[in-house]
Amino acid sequence: MKIDIILPFREKFTLSKASAVSTSVKNSIMYSAYKNNIKIYGQRVNKPILENNFIGIKTNRLIHFSNNVSLIKNYLKLNSNYNEKKIIEIHNRPYLLKYLFKKIKSNPIIIYFHNDPTEMKGSKTIFEREKILQNATAIVFVSDFLKEKFQEGLSHISSKLFVIPNSLNINKKSILPKSNKVLFVGRLVKQKGVEIYVDAISKIAKNYPDWEFILIGNSGSRNKFFKKNYDKEIIKKFTSIAPNTNYLGFVSNNEVLKTMQISSILVVPSLWEEPFGLTAIEGLSNRMLVIGNNVGGLKEIIFKRGVLINNINKDKLLLKLIELLNNPELILDIQKKCWETYIYDQDKVSYQQDQMRKNIFNKFFE
């Protein structure tokens, strides 16, 4: 079975710059039975992950008015043999489906949602989502939360809908007990709840000098005004709290995972409804005690594996951190239990995905 995977243009399929979609695709392919028959299409990069599988596409925004449109149109030019039996998978760009539907009638097309469909161009309205249901062979979501969002307002439940979570293997090098480190990892923006973390740490850092409180990330914004007036203030406030607060800035995903391997607690205080929460499974895979807001896809990941806080704010987080830092045995107990119901192993998720692909392929071409 041959499989083509089309990434959003903004994804840079490299180890140092891979974001959530690229990381998800990479992790699933590593254990796929069809690895040698998978091609990944995305923007041209130097030293791509899975170099034998990756095909960089040159885009022309001036001609096509959009890099994503340019990528999909050039993909279609490169793959003009529409009679070739294969599955085509497109990630997180529902508005590009119309280009595939127009040209391709003889191959199954699968769309993967990594974000809220009701907030994405091409799937915001009930009409648009019904059109996707009508024309796509399958629709895949990384969480039940996203599947439920897609179904809002639809008149019937479709058998075309699948949930396949992001995956990450347990890090067996992460040994207990772990170092006295508390982490926040993510973009320094309001919706990620970074201010809640910083405000809570400002109240306790001096009282726990044997603990290190770490902040990892940047705003990810190109807006210089925004960066000047939010993340710089957050960084300034955090670094002035106490000697045991440490701002590491933006670091590669590999470096984040190395830090998680030795750290005890991860705080994920997102205010928005996280579609999945890859940072949370990175923490769990490294046997960290993960504290998160009880919203969106986060609650699916952390439930019975960590600590969920309803309507998180600085006071609630502060009280929970004090409880935990005063009770190392409780921390250890939760860390030990977080692997008991861990369901995100790459081989298991890849097998689930491959079975879906196999069934779709056989049914489509029977």
Protein backbone atom coordinates (compact mmCIF):
# COMPACT_ATOMS: atom_id res chain seq x y z
CA MET A 1 0.00 0.00 0.00
CA LYS A 2 1.29 3.45 -0.95
CA ILE A 3 0.51 6.50 1.16
CA ASP A 4 1.05 10.20 0.39
CA ILE A 5 1.04 12.59 3.36
CA ILE A 6 0.63 16.32 2.73
CA LEU A 7 1.77 18.67 5.50
CA PRO A 8 0.70 22.28 6.04
CA PHE A 9 3.20 24.66 4.45
CA ARG A 10 4.19 26.16 7.83
CA GLU A 11 5.46 22.79 9.06
CA LYS A 12 9.22 22.43 8.87
CA PHE A 13 9.97 18.72 8.81
CA THR A 14 13.31 18.88 10.62
CA LEU A 15 14.41 17.71 14.06
CA SER A 16 15.16 21.21 15.29
CA LYS A 17 12.05 22.94 13.95
CA ALA A 18 9.34 20.27 13.93
CA SER A 19 6.11 21.46 15.52
CA ALA A 20 3.11 19.38 16.65
CA VAL A 21 1.90 18.13 13.26
CA SER A 22 5.39 17.20 12.03
CA THR A 23 6.18 15.49 15.32
CA SER A 24 2.93 13.52 15.16
CA VAL A 25 3.57 12.41 11.57
CA LYS A 26 7.17 11.46 12.32
CA ASN A 27 6.27 9.43 15.41
CA SER A 28 3.54 7.46 13.64
CA ILE A 29 5.65 6.67 10.57
CA MET A 30 8.55 5.30 12.61
CA TYR A 31 6.50 2.26 13.59
CA SER A 32 4.23 1.95 10.56
CA ALA A 33 4.23 -1.32 8.63
CA TYR A 34 4.04 0.85 5.48
CA LYS A 35 7.00 3.08 6.35
CA ASN A 36 8.90 2.28 3.14
CA ASN A 37 5.86 3.14 1.01
CA ILE A 38 5.05 6.48 2.61
CA LYS A 39 5.93 9.80 0.98
CA ILE A 40 5.70 13.05 2.95
CA TYR A 41 5.19 16.30 1.03
CA GLY A 42 5.94 19.68 2.59
CA GLN A 43 7.93 22.86 2.21
CA ARG A 44 11.57 22.43 1.22
CA VAL A 45 13.95 22.17 4.17
CA ASN A 46 17.56 21.24 4.75
CA LYS A 47 18.17 17.87 6.43
CA PRO A 48 14.57 16.72 6.71
CA ILE A 49 13.50 14.02 9.14
CA LEU A 50 13.07 10.66 7.37
CA GLU A 51 15.00 11.92 4.37
CA ASN A 52 14.15 8.86 2.27
CA ASN A 53 10.42 9.54 2.73
CA PHE A 54 10.35 13.32 2.41
CA ILE A 55 9.77 15.31 -0.78
CA GLY A 56 10.23 19.07 -0.52
CA ILE A 57 7.96 21.10 -2.76
CA LYS A 58 8.89 24.50 -4.11
CA THR A 59 6.03 26.94 -3.74
CA ASN A 60 5.21 30.25 -5.41
CA ARG A 61 3.02 32.47 -3.29
CA LEU A 62 2.87 35.20 -5.92
CA ILE A 63 1.35 32.92 -8.54
CA HIS A 64 -1.04 31.00 -6.27
CA PHE A 65 -1.67 33.75 -3.66
CA SER A 66 -0.94 31.25 -0.88
CA ASN A 67 1.94 28.93 -0.04
CA ASN A 68 -0.51 26.22 1.03
CA VAL A 69 -2.44 26.45 -2.25
CA SER A 70 0.85 26.45 -4.15
CA LEU A 71 1.98 23.35 -2.26
CA ILE A 72 -1.21 21.41 -3.03
CA LYS A 73 -1.25 22.44 -6.70
CA ASN A 74 2.38 21.46 -7.17
CA TYR A 75 1.72 18.18 -5.37
CA LEU A 76 -1.03 17.46 -7.91
CA LYS A 77 1.36 18.25 -10.78
CA LEU A 78 3.94 15.85 -9.37
CA ASN A 79 1.31 13.15 -8.95
CA SER A 80 -0.70 13.42 -12.14
CA ASN A 81 -1.16 9.64 -12.45
CA TYR A 82 -4.51 9.53 -10.72
CA ASN A 83 -4.92 5.82 -11.49
CA GLU A 84 -2.12 4.83 -9.10
CA LYS A 85 -3.57 2.97 -6.13
CA LYS A 86 -2.69 4.86 -2.96
CA ILE A 87 -4.11 6.71 0.01
CA ILE A 88 -3.78 10.48 0.18
CA GLU A 89 -3.65 12.02 3.66
CA ILE A 90 -3.77 15.77 4.24
CA HIS A 91 -3.13 17.34 7.64
CA ASN A 92 -4.90 20.28 9.22
CA ARG A 93 -5.81 22.29 6.12
CA PRO A 94 -9.47 21.49 5.35
CA TYR A 95 -9.81 24.38 2.90
CA LEU A 96 -7.35 22.63 0.58
CA LEU A 97 -9.57 19.56 0.25
CA LYS A 98 -11.51 21.15 -2.62
CA TYR A 99 -8.39 21.00 -4.81
CA LEU A 100 -7.98 17.28 -4.09
CA PHE A 101 -11.68 16.48 -4.52
CA LYS A 102 -11.75 18.27 -7.88
CA LYS A 103 -8.81 16.36 -9.37
CA ILE A 104 -8.80 13.02 -7.57
CA LYS A 105 -11.70 10.59 -7.92
CA SER A 106 -9.89 7.25 -7.89
CA ASN A 107 -8.04 7.42 -4.55
CA PRO A 108 -9.23 7.54 -0.94
CA ILE A 109 -8.61 10.93 0.71
CA ILE A 110 -8.20 11.23 4.48
CA ILE A 111 -8.16 14.54 6.37
CA TYR A 112 -6.46 14.77 9.78
CA PHE A 113 -7.55 17.43 12.27
CA HIS A 114 -5.02 18.58 14.88
CA ASN A 115 -7.05 21.67 15.84
CA ASP A 116 -10.67 22.63 16.45
CA PRO A 117 -12.51 22.12 13.12
CA THR A 118 -15.08 24.78 14.03
CA GLU A 119 -12.31 27.39 14.06
CA MET A 120 -10.48 26.36 10.89
CA LYS A 121 -10.88 27.76 7.39
CA GLY A 122 -12.80 25.23 5.34
CA SER A 123 -14.62 23.51 8.23
CA LYS A 124 -16.04 26.32 10.37
CA THR A 125 -19.63 25.97 9.22
CA ILE A 126 -21.98 23.00 9.40
CA PHE A 127 -22.31 23.15 5.60
CA GLU A 128 -18.52 22.91 5.16
CA ARG A 129 -18.25 19.98 7.57
CA GLU A 130 -21.10 18.15 5.85
CA LYS A 131 -19.30 18.63 2.52
CA ILE A 132 -16.15 17.11 4.02
CA LEU A 133 -18.19 14.17 5.33
CA GLN A 134 -19.71 13.69 1.91
CA ASN A 135 -16.43 13.74 -0.04
CA ALA A 136 -13.65 12.51 2.26
CA THR A 137 -13.10 8.79 2.69
CA ALA A 138 -12.20 9.25 6.35
CA ILE A 139 -11.77 12.04 8.89
CA VAL A 140 -9.25 11.58 11.69
CA PHE A 141 -8.97 13.54 14.93
CA VAL A 142 -6.18 13.50 17.51
CA SER A 143 -8.69 13.59 20.37
CA ASP A 144 -12.32 12.80 21.20
CA PHE A 145 -12.71 16.49 21.98
CA LEU A 146 -11.98 17.45 18.35
CA LYS A 147 -14.29 14.72 17.05
CA GLU A 148 -17.10 16.12 19.21
CA LYS A 149 -16.39 19.65 17.94
CA PHE A 150 -16.60 18.44 14.33
CA GLN A 151 -19.98 16.83 15.00
CA GLU A 152 -21.53 19.97 16.51
CA GLY A 153 -24.74 20.74 14.61
CA LEU A 154 -24.49 17.72 12.29
CA SER A 155 -27.65 15.69 11.88
CA HIS A 156 -26.11 12.21 12.06
CA ILE A 157 -23.10 10.30 13.37
CA SER A 158 -20.85 9.05 10.58
CA SER A 159 -18.75 5.87 10.48
CA LYS A 160 -16.09 7.89 8.63
CA LEU A 161 -14.87 9.50 11.86
CA PHE A 162 -11.81 8.10 13.68
CA VAL A 163 -9.78 9.15 16.72
CA ILE A 164 -6.05 8.41 16.49
CA PRO A 165 -4.05 10.27 19.14
CA ASN A 166 -0.54 11.60 18.83
CA SER A 167 2.01 9.11 20.06
CA LEU A 168 5.24 9.01 22.02
CA ASN A 169 7.03 6.08 23.57
CA ILE A 170 7.65 5.85 27.28
CA ASN A 171 11.17 6.99 28.12
CA LYS A 172 12.56 4.12 30.19
CA LYS A 173 15.65 6.20 31.00
CA SER A 174 13.45 8.44 33.14
CA ILE A 175 14.18 6.92 36.54
CA LEU A 176 12.55 7.71 39.88
CA PRO A 177 13.12 9.60 42.10
CA LYS A 178 13.65 12.65 39.92
CA SER A 179 15.27 16.05 40.43
CA ASN A 180 13.41 18.84 42.22
CA LYS A 181 12.43 20.70 39.07
CA VAL A 182 9.08 22.20 38.06
CA LEU A 183 8.58 23.05 34.37
CA PHE A 184 6.40 25.17 32.14
CA VAL A 185 6.96 24.43 28.44
CA GLY A 186 5.15 26.32 25.71
CA ARG A 187 4.52 29.59 23.93
CA LEU A 188 4.55 32.58 26.26
CA VAL A 189 1.04 33.72 25.39
CA LYS A 190 -2.03 34.29 27.53
CA GLN A 191 -3.99 31.33 26.21
CA LYS A 192 -1.25 28.94 27.36
CA GLY A 193 -1.69 30.18 30.95
CA VAL A 194 1.94 31.20 31.38
CA GLU A 195 0.92 34.13 33.58
CA ILE A 196 -0.86 31.74 35.95
CA TYR A 197 2.34 29.71 36.26
CA VAL A 198 4.56 32.75 36.82
CA ASP A 199 2.21 34.29 39.40
CA ALA A 200 1.96 31.03 41.34
CA ILE A 201 5.73 30.53 41.32
CA SER A 202 6.26 34.10 42.51
CA LYS A 203 4.44 33.19 45.73
CA ILE A 204 6.37 29.99 46.54
CA ALA A 205 9.84 29.98 44.96
CA LYS A 206 11.58 31.59 47.93
CA ASN A 207 9.93 29.14 50.31
CA TYR A 208 11.30 26.12 48.41
CA PRO A 209 14.97 26.95 47.73
CA ASP A 210 15.78 23.29 47.07
CA TRP A 211 13.42 23.31 44.08
CA GLU A 212 14.18 24.83 40.66
CA PHE A 213 11.33 26.47 38.76
CA ILE A 214 11.90 26.54 35.01
CA LEU A 215 10.26 28.43 32.15
CA ILE A 216 10.84 27.19 28.59
CA GLY A 217 9.54 28.90 25.44
CA ASN A 218 8.94 32.19 23.68
CA SER A 219 5.89 33.97 22.30
CA GLY A 220 6.21 32.52 18.81
CA SER A 221 4.80 35.83 17.60
CA ARG A 222 6.09 37.86 14.68
CA ASN A 223 4.41 40.91 16.11
CA LYS A 224 7.18 42.95 17.72
CA PHE A 225 4.70 45.13 19.63
CA PHE A 226 3.07 42.05 21.15
CA LYS A 227 6.41 40.54 22.10
CA LYS A 228 7.54 43.76 23.74
CA ASN A 229 4.40 44.09 25.79
CA TYR A 230 3.72 40.54 26.93
CA ASP A 231 6.39 37.86 26.80
CA LYS A 232 9.21 40.25 27.71
CA GLU A 233 7.27 41.33 30.78
CA ILE A 234 6.59 37.69 31.67
CA ILE A 235 10.28 36.83 31.35
CA LYS A 236 11.34 39.87 33.36
CA LYS A 237 8.89 39.05 36.14
CA PHE A 238 9.85 35.38 36.24
CA THR A 239 13.61 35.88 36.31
CA SER A 240 13.36 38.44 39.11
CA ILE A 241 11.39 36.16 41.47
CA ALA A 242 14.26 34.29 43.11
CA PRO A 243 17.65 32.70 42.37
CA ASN A 244 15.94 29.32 41.84
CA THR A 245 13.87 30.49 38.86
CA ASN A 246 15.43 29.77 35.48
CA TYR A 247 14.29 30.98 32.06
CA LEU A 248 15.74 28.80 29.28
CA GLY A 249 14.10 30.53 26.30
CA PHE A 250 13.28 28.52 23.20
CA VAL A 251 15.03 25.15 23.05
CA SER A 252 14.69 22.24 20.62
CA ASN A 253 12.22 19.46 21.31
CA ASN A 254 15.10 17.06 21.98
CA GLU A 255 16.44 19.39 24.68
CA VAL A 256 12.97 19.75 26.18
CA LEU A 257 12.66 15.96 26.44
CA LYS A 258 16.10 15.72 28.07
CA THR A 259 15.00 18.26 30.68
CA MET A 260 11.74 16.38 31.25
CA GLN A 261 13.65 13.15 31.75
CA ILE A 262 15.15 14.46 35.00
CA SER A 263 12.34 16.77 36.16
CA SER A 264 9.52 16.04 38.61
CA ILE A 265 6.55 18.25 37.76
CA LEU A 266 5.14 19.70 34.53
CA VAL A 267 2.51 22.46 34.68
CA VAL A 268 0.17 22.82 31.66
CA PRO A 269 -2.24 25.61 32.72
CA SER A 270 -3.76 26.29 29.28
CA LEU A 271 -6.77 28.57 29.31
CA TRP A 272 -7.90 27.66 25.81
CA GLU A 273 -9.31 24.25 24.93
CA GLU A 274 -6.18 22.40 23.86
CA PRO A 275 -6.99 20.16 20.88
CA PHE A 276 -4.69 17.48 22.25
CA GLY A 277 -1.82 18.61 24.42
CA LEU A 278 1.38 17.08 23.07
CA THR A 279 3.40 18.69 25.86
CA ALA A 280 1.32 16.75 28.39
CA ILE A 281 2.12 13.33 26.87
CA GLU A 282 5.77 14.35 26.60
CA GLY A 283 5.67 14.92 30.35
CA LEU A 284 3.82 11.67 31.06
CA SER A 285 6.16 9.68 28.81
CA ASN A 286 9.00 10.96 30.99
CA ARG A 287 7.16 9.95 34.16
CA MET A 288 6.53 13.50 35.28
CA LEU A 289 3.66 14.52 37.50
CA VAL A 290 1.56 16.57 35.06
CA ILE A 291 -0.76 19.29 36.37
CA GLY A 292 -3.24 20.65 33.83
CA ASN A 293 -6.42 22.59 33.32
CA ASN A 294 -9.49 20.37 32.95
CA VAL A 295 -10.33 21.49 29.40
CA GLY A 296 -10.34 20.24 25.80
CA GLY A 297 -8.04 17.39 24.86
CA LEU A 298 -5.91 17.91 27.97
CA LYS A 299 -8.46 16.26 30.24
CA GLU A 300 -8.38 13.07 28.11
CA ILE A 301 -4.62 12.81 28.52
CA ILE A 302 -4.21 13.75 32.16
CA PHE A 303 -7.32 12.03 33.59
CA LYS A 304 -6.20 9.29 36.04
CA ARG A 305 -2.57 9.89 34.98
CA GLY A 306 -1.90 13.26 36.60
CA VAL A 307 -3.65 16.15 38.35
CA LEU A 308 -6.52 18.09 36.75
CA ILE A 309 -7.68 21.47 38.09
CA ASN A 310 -11.10 22.81 37.17
CA ASN A 311 -11.05 26.41 35.92
CA ILE A 312 -7.38 26.80 36.78
CA ASN A 313 -6.11 30.10 38.17
CA LYS A 314 -3.02 31.24 40.06
CA ASP A 315 -4.55 30.56 43.49
CA LYS A 316 -5.69 27.03 42.66
CA LEU A 317 -2.32 26.21 41.10
CA LEU A 318 -0.51 27.72 44.08
CA LEU A 319 -2.44 25.56 46.55
CA LYS A 320 -1.85 22.41 44.51
CA LEU A 321 1.89 23.08 44.19
CA ILE A 322 2.21 23.72 47.94
CA GLU A 323 0.38 20.45 48.63
CA LEU A 324 2.69 18.53 46.33
CA LEU A 325 6.00 20.15 47.28
CA ASN A 326 5.21 19.44 50.93
CA ASN A 327 4.47 15.82 50.13
CA PRO A 328 7.24 14.14 48.10
CA GLU A 329 5.65 10.73 48.64
CA LEU A 330 2.50 11.92 46.89
CA ILE A 331 4.57 13.17 43.95
CA LEU A 332 6.30 9.80 43.73
CA ASP A 333 3.03 7.90 43.94
CA ILE A 334 1.45 9.84 41.06
CA GLN A 335 4.61 9.50 38.97
CA LYS A 336 4.59 5.73 39.48
CA LYS A 337 0.94 5.44 38.44
CA CYS A 338 1.10 7.64 35.34
CA TRP A 339 2.43 4.78 33.19
CA GLU A 340 -0.17 2.23 34.31
CA THR A 341 -2.81 3.53 31.89
CA TYR A 342 -0.50 5.13 29.31
CA ILE A 343 -1.99 4.48 25.84
CA TYR A 344 0.20 6.61 23.59
CA ASP A 345 3.00 4.16 22.70
CA GLN A 346 4.10 4.71 19.11
CA ASP A 347 3.86 1.07 18.05
CA LYS A 348 0.29 0.72 19.37
CA VAL A 349 -0.95 3.99 17.84
CA SER A 350 0.78 3.23 14.53
CA TYR A 351 -0.82 -0.22 14.46
CA GLN A 352 -4.25 1.36 15.04
CA GLN A 353 -3.58 3.83 12.22
CA ASP A 354 -2.31 1.12 9.85
CA GLN A 355 -5.41 -1.01 10.49
CA MET A 356 -7.61 1.94 9.62
CA ARG A 357 -5.59 2.52 6.43
CA LYS A 358 -5.71 -1.16 5.48
CA ASN A 359 -9.48 -1.34 5.89
CA ILE A 360 -10.02 1.89 3.92
CA PHE A 361 -7.68 0.78 1.12
CA ASN A 362 -9.22 -2.69 0.76
CA LYS A 363 -12.78 -1.38 0.84
CA PHE A 364 -12.05 1.42 -1.65
CA PHE A 365 -10.28 -0.78 -4.20
CA GLU A 366 -12.24 -4.02 -3.77
